[in-house]
Amino acid sequence: MKLLLALLATALAGFAATAAADTTDQKWQTRLVIAKRGAHCVDDPNCFNRYHPDIPAVDRASPGDVLVFHTRDALDSDLRLDSVADDVTAIDLNLVHPMTGPVHIEGAERGDVLAVTLLDIEPDQYGYTVIVPGFGFLRDIYTEPYLVNWRLSRTHAESDQMPGVKVPYEAFMGSVGVLPGQPEVDSWLAREAALGAAGGVALPPQPVGALPSAVCGPQGPARDACLRTIPPRENGGNMDVQQMQVGTTLLLPCFIDGCGLFVGDVHYAQGDGEVSGTAIEMGAVVALTTEIRKGQGAFITGPEVEGGAQIKDMEPSRFYQTIGLPLKAAGEVPTQHAYLNGEKIGNLTNLSEDLTLAARDALIKMIGYIQREHGLDAEQAYILASVAVDLRVGQVVDVPNYIVTAVLNEDVFEE
């Protein structure tokens, strides 16, 4: 009996040792972490804020690897929960947007398509939405700085500046893309210069604050050719498309060998339109994986997205919708039309086939509704529209009055 008990004790001890064994060293997938270093992009060798093919890769990865990008907020700011509106005026817009990367994807060549599947976004605990004077869809109306500080979790965002509002967690990469090649840089600079010469809004290269400074800064060899990150282009970048949720796959044409993948400007939540100029901006940890689709750059010449039920899952259970028409006051030339023939359109009260004016009409009506029915002031309503109102095209056939609607997610209001 003693021998039997001894054998049983030995067996149980062996089982316990086996059951307690650490399995964390068992790997089947490579994880590459592109971490943040330092307080700001200028301190971080893994960060840049301009586009040019000569920007060197900070690391290399194989297709199928899990890439983990630690990202900074869109403004590379020092904003915090106790920040106030005056702090917005101190922000240096030359630093927009800090991108993490670029990462060279092994085997990818110019002419391929890089398929980027979003696996997860871990939000920071703090985010913000701001009105920056001179920026935003209604920049002619909202001319003073304004700031809403948000407390973030994996379920919702709430703010002392927005009482009674909880915005659901629907995070996505506001900026994600690949580096352009030299032909793209030359072409895009030329078309944007022509637009600027015609009086349109265009952002020429700005070496002050440009990173990496060795390439794009005031003494850098490409200082007059490094593209700003504010406009999205065929390489992706600052697209601000909220449907690119976890589980979707973004298709990007590669313009250089290795593609030069980057991520930044992550949004906790945003309405279609991002009308104030910002969403709920935050730093985040983004996990994704990639696949190379050889030669498909011949067909996919700009960003495209594959998805499943993400759009359906984002739909509100309750909504309010305003209908916008391309109407304006006599004598008014809206900001977005100022570079066109103002004398011709100035005295018109109805413009033909104009989605921008219809969107403006719908948004102004929606802001009025939010003020009237939910008791927010004008700036609060504009901010809420930026994070929880979707501008949607209704129709583009019933000339001259195209329709844009503004759809408010009424679920954000606590009952």
Protein backbone atom coordinates (compact mmCIF):
# COMPACT_ATOMS: atom_id res chain seq x y z
CA MET A 1 0.00 0.00 0.00
CA LYS A 2 2.79 2.40 0.89
CA LEU A 3 4.43 1.69 -2.46
CA LEU A 4 1.14 2.33 -4.29
CA LEU A 5 0.63 5.63 -2.49
CA ALA A 6 4.18 6.68 -3.27
CA LEU A 7 3.72 5.93 -6.96
CA LEU A 8 0.40 7.81 -7.00
CA ALA A 9 1.97 10.84 -5.30
CA THR A 10 4.79 10.84 -7.82
CA ALA A 11 2.33 10.69 -10.73
CA LEU A 12 0.21 13.51 -9.33
CA ALA A 13 3.28 15.64 -8.76
CA GLY A 14 4.32 15.08 -12.35
CA PHE A 15 0.83 16.01 -13.58
CA ALA A 16 0.82 19.17 -11.50
CA ALA A 17 4.19 20.16 -12.86
CA THR A 18 2.98 19.57 -16.41
CA ALA A 19 -0.28 21.46 -15.85
CA ALA A 20 1.59 24.45 -14.43
CA ALA A 21 4.06 24.62 -17.30
CA ASP A 22 4.36 28.07 -18.92
CA THR A 23 3.06 28.04 -22.52
CA THR A 24 3.90 31.63 -23.38
CA ASP A 25 7.08 30.56 -25.15
CA GLN A 26 5.06 28.63 -27.73
CA LYS A 27 4.88 30.85 -30.81
CA TRP A 28 3.39 30.39 -34.25
CA GLN A 29 3.20 34.03 -35.33
CA THR A 30 5.81 36.78 -35.39
CA ARG A 31 4.94 40.04 -33.63
CA LEU A 32 6.85 43.18 -34.52
CA VAL A 33 6.38 46.17 -32.20
CA ILE A 34 7.07 49.67 -33.51
CA ALA A 35 7.17 51.53 -30.22
CA LYS A 36 7.01 55.21 -29.31
CA ARG A 37 10.14 56.81 -27.95
CA GLY A 38 10.25 60.19 -26.28
CA ALA A 39 7.54 62.75 -25.62
CA HIS A 40 7.02 63.92 -29.20
CA CYS A 41 7.62 62.90 -32.78
CA VAL A 42 10.79 64.99 -32.96
CA ASP A 43 12.24 62.81 -30.18
CA ASP A 44 11.25 59.55 -31.84
CA PRO A 45 13.23 57.79 -34.60
CA ASN A 46 10.09 55.73 -35.35
CA CYS A 47 8.03 58.83 -36.17
CA PHE A 48 7.69 61.12 -39.21
CA ASN A 49 5.20 63.73 -40.46
CA ARG A 50 5.81 64.14 -44.19
CA TYR A 51 5.72 61.78 -47.21
CA HIS A 52 8.67 61.13 -49.49
CA PRO A 53 10.20 57.94 -50.93
CA ASP A 54 13.58 58.72 -49.35
CA ILE A 55 12.24 58.41 -45.80
CA PRO A 56 14.00 55.28 -44.50
CA ALA A 57 12.15 52.30 -43.07
CA VAL A 58 12.43 51.91 -39.31
CA ASP A 59 11.95 48.14 -39.47
CA ARG A 60 11.19 45.24 -41.79
CA ALA A 61 8.40 42.67 -41.60
CA SER A 62 7.14 39.69 -43.55
CA PRO A 63 3.57 39.30 -44.80
CA GLY A 64 1.51 37.60 -42.10
CA ASP A 65 3.49 39.08 -39.22
CA VAL A 66 1.45 40.89 -36.59
CA LEU A 67 2.60 44.51 -36.61
CA VAL A 68 1.94 46.54 -33.47
CA PHE A 69 2.13 50.31 -33.99
CA HIS A 70 2.25 52.62 -30.96
CA THR A 71 0.79 55.87 -32.27
CA ARG A 72 0.55 59.52 -31.20
CA ASP A 73 -2.44 61.83 -31.33
CA ALA A 74 -3.02 63.74 -34.57
CA LEU A 75 -1.64 67.06 -33.33
CA ASP A 76 1.39 65.61 -31.49
CA SER A 77 0.06 67.69 -28.63
CA ASP A 78 0.52 68.16 -24.90
CA LEU A 79 -3.24 68.32 -24.32
CA ARG A 80 -4.58 66.58 -21.22
CA LEU A 81 -7.79 66.21 -19.21
CA ASP A 82 -7.38 69.63 -17.59
CA SER A 83 -6.50 71.48 -20.82
CA VAL A 84 -8.59 74.49 -21.84
CA ALA A 85 -9.52 76.14 -25.13
CA ASP A 86 -6.61 78.60 -24.99
CA ASP A 87 -4.23 75.63 -25.13
CA VAL A 88 -5.47 74.92 -28.66
CA THR A 89 -3.90 78.15 -29.93
CA ALA A 90 -0.45 76.93 -28.84
CA ILE A 91 -0.59 73.88 -31.12
CA ASP A 92 1.91 73.94 -33.99
CA LEU A 93 0.08 72.71 -37.09
CA ASN A 94 3.41 72.20 -38.87
CA LEU A 95 3.74 69.04 -36.75
CA VAL A 96 0.57 67.41 -38.14
CA HIS A 97 0.37 64.35 -38.46
CA PRO A 98 2.89 62.22 -36.55
CA MET A 99 3.03 58.81 -38.25
CA THR A 100 4.55 55.64 -36.79
CA GLY A 101 6.77 53.83 -39.30
CA PRO A 102 7.43 53.37 -42.13
CA VAL A 103 7.81 49.58 -42.18
CA HIS A 104 9.30 47.74 -45.16
CA ILE A 105 7.18 44.71 -46.11
CA GLU A 106 9.44 41.98 -47.46
CA GLY A 107 8.61 40.86 -50.99
CA ALA A 108 6.36 43.82 -51.82
CA GLU A 109 7.22 45.73 -54.99
CA ARG A 110 6.00 48.77 -56.83
CA GLY A 111 2.88 47.69 -58.70
CA ASP A 112 1.69 45.32 -55.99
CA VAL A 113 -1.18 45.91 -53.60
CA LEU A 114 -0.70 45.69 -49.86
CA ALA A 115 -3.74 44.26 -48.04
CA VAL A 116 -3.78 45.58 -44.46
CA THR A 117 -6.17 43.84 -42.04
CA LEU A 118 -6.92 45.65 -38.79
CA LEU A 119 -6.85 43.28 -35.80
CA ASP A 120 -7.23 45.52 -32.76
CA ILE A 121 -7.01 49.07 -31.42
CA GLU A 122 -6.20 49.68 -27.76
CA PRO A 123 -7.16 53.29 -26.92
CA ASP A 124 -5.37 55.65 -24.61
CA GLN A 125 -7.45 56.77 -21.65
CA TYR A 126 -7.59 60.38 -22.86
CA GLY A 127 -8.81 61.91 -26.08
CA TYR A 128 -9.93 65.31 -27.33
CA THR A 129 -11.96 67.07 -30.00
CA VAL A 130 -11.08 70.64 -30.92
CA ILE A 131 -12.12 73.55 -33.08
CA VAL A 132 -9.02 75.14 -34.59
CA PRO A 133 -9.67 78.63 -35.99
CA GLY A 134 -9.43 78.61 -39.77
CA PHE A 135 -9.99 74.86 -40.05
CA GLY A 136 -13.09 72.69 -40.33
CA PHE A 137 -16.11 72.54 -42.61
CA LEU A 138 -17.83 75.56 -41.03
CA ARG A 139 -14.65 77.53 -40.37
CA ASP A 140 -16.35 80.76 -41.44
CA ILE A 141 -18.93 80.34 -38.64
CA TYR A 142 -16.86 78.81 -35.83
CA THR A 143 -13.88 81.13 -35.56
CA GLU A 144 -12.79 80.70 -31.92
CA PRO A 145 -10.79 77.84 -30.39
CA TYR A 146 -12.79 75.23 -28.52
CA LEU A 147 -11.83 72.02 -26.72
CA VAL A 148 -13.66 68.98 -25.39
CA ASN A 149 -11.65 66.55 -23.24
CA TRP A 150 -12.84 62.94 -23.29
CA ARG A 151 -12.35 60.07 -20.84
CA LEU A 152 -11.97 56.92 -22.92
CA SER A 153 -12.63 53.25 -22.29
CA ARG A 154 -13.27 50.19 -24.42
CA THR A 155 -17.00 50.93 -24.32
CA HIS A 156 -17.62 54.67 -24.53
CA ALA A 157 -16.23 58.20 -24.27
CA GLU A 158 -17.64 60.84 -21.95
CA SER A 159 -16.72 64.41 -21.11
CA ASP A 160 -17.46 67.03 -18.49
CA GLN A 161 -17.77 69.50 -21.38
CA MET A 162 -20.49 67.35 -22.98
CA PRO A 163 -22.84 66.41 -20.12
CA GLY A 164 -25.34 63.65 -20.78
CA VAL A 165 -23.45 62.33 -23.81
CA LYS A 166 -21.74 58.95 -24.20
CA VAL A 167 -20.11 58.25 -27.55
CA PRO A 168 -19.69 54.53 -28.35
CA TYR A 169 -16.24 53.08 -29.02
CA GLU A 170 -15.84 52.70 -32.80
CA ALA A 171 -12.10 53.15 -33.29
CA PHE A 172 -10.26 53.18 -36.59
CA MET A 173 -7.03 54.41 -38.14
CA GLY A 174 -7.60 57.99 -39.29
CA SER A 175 -4.31 57.85 -41.18
CA VAL A 176 -2.82 54.71 -42.67
CA GLY A 177 -0.96 54.35 -45.91
CA VAL A 178 2.22 53.73 -47.83
CA LEU A 179 4.99 56.01 -49.05
CA PRO A 180 4.69 57.51 -52.54
CA GLY A 181 7.26 56.94 -55.26
CA GLN A 182 9.09 59.78 -56.97
CA PRO A 183 6.67 59.85 -59.95
CA GLU A 184 3.77 60.26 -57.52
CA VAL A 185 5.53 63.03 -55.59
CA ASP A 186 6.19 64.94 -58.82
CA SER A 187 2.62 64.48 -60.08
CA TRP A 188 0.89 65.35 -56.81
CA LEU A 189 3.03 68.41 -56.18
CA ALA A 190 2.24 69.68 -59.68
CA ARG A 191 -1.52 69.22 -59.41
CA GLU A 192 -1.68 70.77 -55.94
CA ALA A 193 0.43 73.73 -57.06
CA ALA A 194 -1.98 74.28 -59.96
CA LEU A 195 -4.92 74.17 -57.56
CA GLY A 196 -3.25 76.69 -55.27
CA ALA A 197 -2.50 78.97 -58.21
CA ALA A 198 -6.20 78.89 -59.08
CA GLY A 199 -7.06 80.08 -55.58
CA GLY A 200 -7.98 76.70 -54.12
CA VAL A 201 -6.83 75.32 -50.79
CA ALA A 202 -3.50 73.54 -51.23
CA LEU A 203 -0.72 72.88 -48.76
CA PRO A 204 2.73 73.17 -50.34
CA PRO A 205 5.79 71.57 -48.73
CA GLN A 206 6.73 73.16 -45.41
CA PRO A 207 10.19 72.21 -44.10
CA VAL A 208 9.68 73.91 -40.72
CA GLY A 209 8.77 71.16 -38.27
CA ALA A 210 9.12 68.51 -40.98
CA LEU A 211 10.30 65.04 -39.93
CA PRO A 212 12.55 63.30 -40.56
CA SER A 213 14.51 66.53 -40.62
CA ALA A 214 17.44 64.84 -42.36
CA VAL A 215 15.21 64.35 -45.42
CA CYS A 216 12.42 66.92 -45.16
CA GLY A 217 13.67 69.59 -42.75
CA PRO A 218 15.05 73.05 -43.64
CA GLN A 219 18.44 71.57 -44.55
CA GLY A 220 17.09 68.32 -45.96
CA PRO A 221 17.66 67.44 -49.63
CA ALA A 222 13.90 66.92 -50.20
CA ARG A 223 12.72 69.97 -48.22
CA ASP A 224 10.80 71.32 -51.23
CA ALA A 225 9.30 67.95 -52.16
CA CYS A 226 8.06 66.35 -48.93
CA LEU A 227 4.28 66.12 -49.05
CA ARG A 228 2.10 67.33 -46.19
CA THR A 229 -0.03 64.71 -44.45
CA ILE A 230 -3.32 66.62 -44.20
CA PRO A 231 -4.79 65.74 -47.63
CA PRO A 232 -5.43 62.07 -48.38
CA ARG A 233 -4.09 60.87 -51.71
CA GLU A 234 -3.73 57.68 -53.73
CA ASN A 235 -1.28 56.35 -51.12
CA GLY A 236 -3.98 56.54 -48.43
CA GLY A 237 -2.88 58.70 -45.54
CA ASN A 238 -5.36 60.98 -43.78
CA MET A 239 -8.53 59.40 -45.17
CA ASP A 240 -10.61 59.59 -41.97
CA VAL A 241 -12.97 56.86 -43.16
CA GLN A 242 -14.76 55.53 -40.09
CA GLN A 243 -15.92 52.29 -41.71
CA MET A 244 -12.34 50.95 -41.60
CA GLN A 245 -13.10 49.20 -38.32
CA VAL A 246 -11.46 46.16 -36.74
CA GLY A 247 -11.82 43.22 -39.12
CA THR A 248 -11.75 45.23 -42.34
CA THR A 249 -8.98 44.97 -44.91
CA LEU A 250 -7.59 48.09 -46.53
CA LEU A 251 -6.08 47.70 -50.00
CA LEU A 252 -3.23 50.08 -50.83
CA PRO A 253 -1.26 50.26 -54.09
CA CYS A 254 2.50 50.09 -53.50
CA PHE A 255 4.58 52.85 -55.07
CA ILE A 256 7.99 51.79 -53.75
CA ASP A 257 9.54 48.40 -53.08
CA GLY A 258 8.58 47.40 -49.54
CA CYS A 259 5.61 49.81 -49.66
CA GLY A 260 6.63 51.81 -46.57
CA LEU A 261 3.58 51.12 -44.38
CA PHE A 262 2.67 53.67 -41.70
CA VAL A 263 -0.12 54.26 -39.17
CA GLY A 264 -1.21 57.27 -37.10
CA ASP A 265 -3.98 59.72 -36.22
CA VAL A 266 -6.17 57.05 -34.62
CA HIS A 267 -9.77 58.05 -33.90
CA TYR A 268 -11.82 56.73 -31.01
CA ALA A 269 -15.02 57.71 -32.84
CA GLN A 270 -16.00 60.01 -35.69
CA GLY A 271 -19.01 60.99 -37.72
CA ASP A 272 -18.82 60.77 -41.50
CA GLY A 273 -17.54 64.23 -42.32
CA GLU A 274 -15.42 64.94 -39.21
CA VAL A 275 -16.93 68.38 -39.64
CA SER A 276 -15.17 70.35 -36.89
CA GLY A 277 -11.83 69.21 -38.28
CA THR A 278 -11.18 66.64 -35.57
CA ALA A 279 -12.77 63.43 -34.32
CA ILE A 280 -12.16 62.04 -30.83
CA GLU A 281 -8.40 62.13 -31.29
CA MET A 282 -6.16 59.83 -29.28
CA GLY A 283 -2.96 57.91 -29.08
CA ALA A 284 -3.40 54.16 -29.42
CA VAL A 285 -1.80 50.78 -29.93
CA VAL A 286 -2.79 49.34 -33.30
CA ALA A 287 -2.35 45.69 -34.28
CA LEU A 288 -2.60 44.65 -37.91
CA THR A 289 -1.34 42.14 -40.40
CA THR A 290 -0.49 42.35 -44.10
CA GLU A 291 -0.73 40.34 -47.29
CA ILE A 292 0.84 41.09 -50.68
CA ARG A 293 -1.37 40.86 -53.76
CA LYS A 294 1.08 40.70 -56.61
CA GLY A 295 0.55 42.96 -59.61
CA GLN A 296 -2.86 44.24 -58.53
CA GLY A 297 -1.68 47.83 -58.55
CA ALA A 298 -2.62 47.80 -62.23
CA PHE A 299 -6.27 47.68 -61.16
CA ILE A 300 -6.33 49.17 -57.67
CA THR A 301 -4.85 52.64 -58.07
CA GLY A 302 -6.01 54.10 -54.76
CA PRO A 303 -7.30 52.92 -51.39
CA GLU A 304 -10.18 50.44 -51.33
CA VAL A 305 -11.68 48.49 -48.43
CA GLU A 306 -13.02 44.97 -47.94
CA GLY A 307 -15.35 44.41 -44.99
CA GLY A 308 -18.12 42.36 -43.47
CA ALA A 309 -20.78 43.43 -41.00
CA GLN A 310 -18.88 46.46 -39.68
CA ILE A 311 -21.14 49.06 -41.32
CA LYS A 312 -24.29 47.31 -40.11
CA ASP A 313 -22.90 47.03 -36.59
CA MET A 314 -22.25 50.79 -36.49
CA GLU A 315 -25.82 51.79 -37.32
CA PRO A 316 -27.70 53.48 -34.45
CA SER A 317 -30.89 52.11 -32.95
CA ARG A 318 -32.38 55.65 -32.97
CA PHE A 319 -31.56 58.56 -35.28
CA TYR A 320 -32.62 62.02 -36.37
CA GLN A 321 -31.96 63.18 -39.94
CA THR A 322 -31.86 66.58 -41.61
CA ILE A 323 -32.11 67.05 -45.38
CA GLY A 324 -29.70 69.44 -47.08
CA LEU A 325 -30.22 71.24 -50.40
CA PRO A 326 -27.71 73.32 -52.40
CA LEU A 327 -29.23 76.60 -51.20
CA LYS A 328 -27.67 79.76 -49.80
CA ALA A 329 -28.42 83.41 -49.14
CA ALA A 330 -28.22 85.95 -51.93
CA GLY A 331 -24.81 87.62 -51.92
CA GLU A 332 -23.18 84.78 -49.98
CA VAL A 333 -20.15 82.98 -51.37
CA PRO A 334 -19.52 79.97 -49.10
CA THR A 335 -15.94 79.43 -47.98
CA GLN A 336 -15.52 76.29 -50.06
CA HIS A 337 -16.58 78.18 -53.21
CA ALA A 338 -14.51 81.32 -52.73
CA TYR A 339 -11.86 80.32 -55.28
CA LEU A 340 -14.49 79.83 -57.98
CA ASN A 341 -16.20 82.61 -59.90
CA GLY A 342 -17.73 84.48 -56.99
CA GLU A 343 -19.34 87.11 -59.21
CA LYS A 344 -21.24 84.43 -61.07
CA ILE A 345 -22.55 82.55 -58.04
CA GLY A 346 -22.69 85.35 -55.48
CA ASN A 347 -26.25 86.51 -56.17
CA LEU A 348 -27.64 83.03 -56.74
CA THR A 349 -29.65 81.43 -53.95
CA ASN A 350 -29.59 77.97 -55.55
CA LEU A 351 -26.46 76.30 -56.94
CA SER A 352 -26.60 73.48 -59.44
CA GLU A 353 -25.61 69.90 -58.54
CA ASP A 354 -23.57 71.02 -55.53
CA LEU A 355 -22.98 68.41 -52.83
CA THR A 356 -20.76 70.69 -50.74
CA LEU A 357 -23.49 73.29 -50.35
CA ALA A 358 -26.09 70.61 -49.67
CA ALA A 359 -23.85 69.13 -46.95
CA ARG A 360 -23.41 72.56 -45.40
CA ASP A 361 -27.18 73.08 -45.39
CA ALA A 362 -27.83 69.70 -43.75
CA LEU A 363 -25.14 70.26 -41.12
CA ILE A 364 -26.34 73.73 -40.13
CA LYS A 365 -29.87 72.36 -39.76
CA MET A 366 -28.56 69.49 -37.62
CA ILE A 367 -26.61 71.81 -35.33
CA GLY A 368 -29.80 73.80 -34.85
CA TYR A 369 -31.70 70.63 -33.98
CA ILE A 370 -29.10 69.54 -31.41
CA GLN A 371 -29.21 72.96 -29.76
CA ARG A 372 -32.98 73.10 -29.77
CA GLU A 373 -33.78 69.56 -28.67
CA HIS A 374 -30.78 68.60 -26.55
CA GLY A 375 -29.78 71.88 -24.94
CA LEU A 376 -26.19 72.07 -26.16
CA ASP A 377 -24.65 75.36 -27.21
CA ALA A 378 -23.48 75.98 -30.77
CA GLU A 379 -19.88 74.87 -30.22
CA GLN A 380 -20.92 71.75 -28.32
CA ALA A 381 -23.36 70.87 -31.10
CA TYR A 382 -20.68 71.36 -33.77
CA ILE A 383 -18.27 69.14 -31.81
CA LEU A 384 -20.94 66.47 -31.34
CA ALA A 385 -21.69 66.56 -35.06
CA SER A 386 -18.01 65.91 -35.72
CA VAL A 387 -18.03 62.70 -33.66
CA ALA A 388 -21.61 61.39 -33.92
CA VAL A 389 -23.30 62.77 -37.08
CA ASP A 390 -22.90 61.13 -40.48
CA LEU A 391 -23.15 63.19 -43.66
CA ARG A 392 -24.56 60.96 -46.38
CA VAL A 393 -25.28 61.50 -50.05
CA GLY A 394 -28.99 61.04 -50.66
CA GLN A 395 -29.11 61.40 -54.44
CA VAL A 396 -27.12 62.89 -57.34
CA VAL A 397 -29.72 62.82 -60.12
CA ASP A 398 -32.54 65.21 -59.26
CA VAL A 399 -31.04 68.30 -60.85
CA PRO A 400 -30.33 70.94 -59.80
CA ASN A 401 -30.87 69.92 -56.18
CA TYR A 402 -28.62 67.10 -55.08
CA ILE A 403 -29.34 65.87 -51.53
CA VAL A 404 -26.99 65.37 -48.60
CA THR A 405 -28.42 64.30 -45.25
CA ALA A 406 -27.02 64.60 -41.74
CA VAL A 407 -27.82 61.60 -39.52
CA LEU A 408 -27.45 61.98 -35.75
CA ASN A 409 -26.92 58.89 -33.61
CA GLU A 410 -29.49 59.59 -30.88
CA ASP A 411 -28.07 56.70 -28.85
CA VAL A 412 -25.30 59.00 -27.61
CA PHE A 413 -27.75 60.78 -25.32
CA GLU A 414 -28.28 59.18 -21.94
CA GLU A 415 -31.94 58.46 -21.26
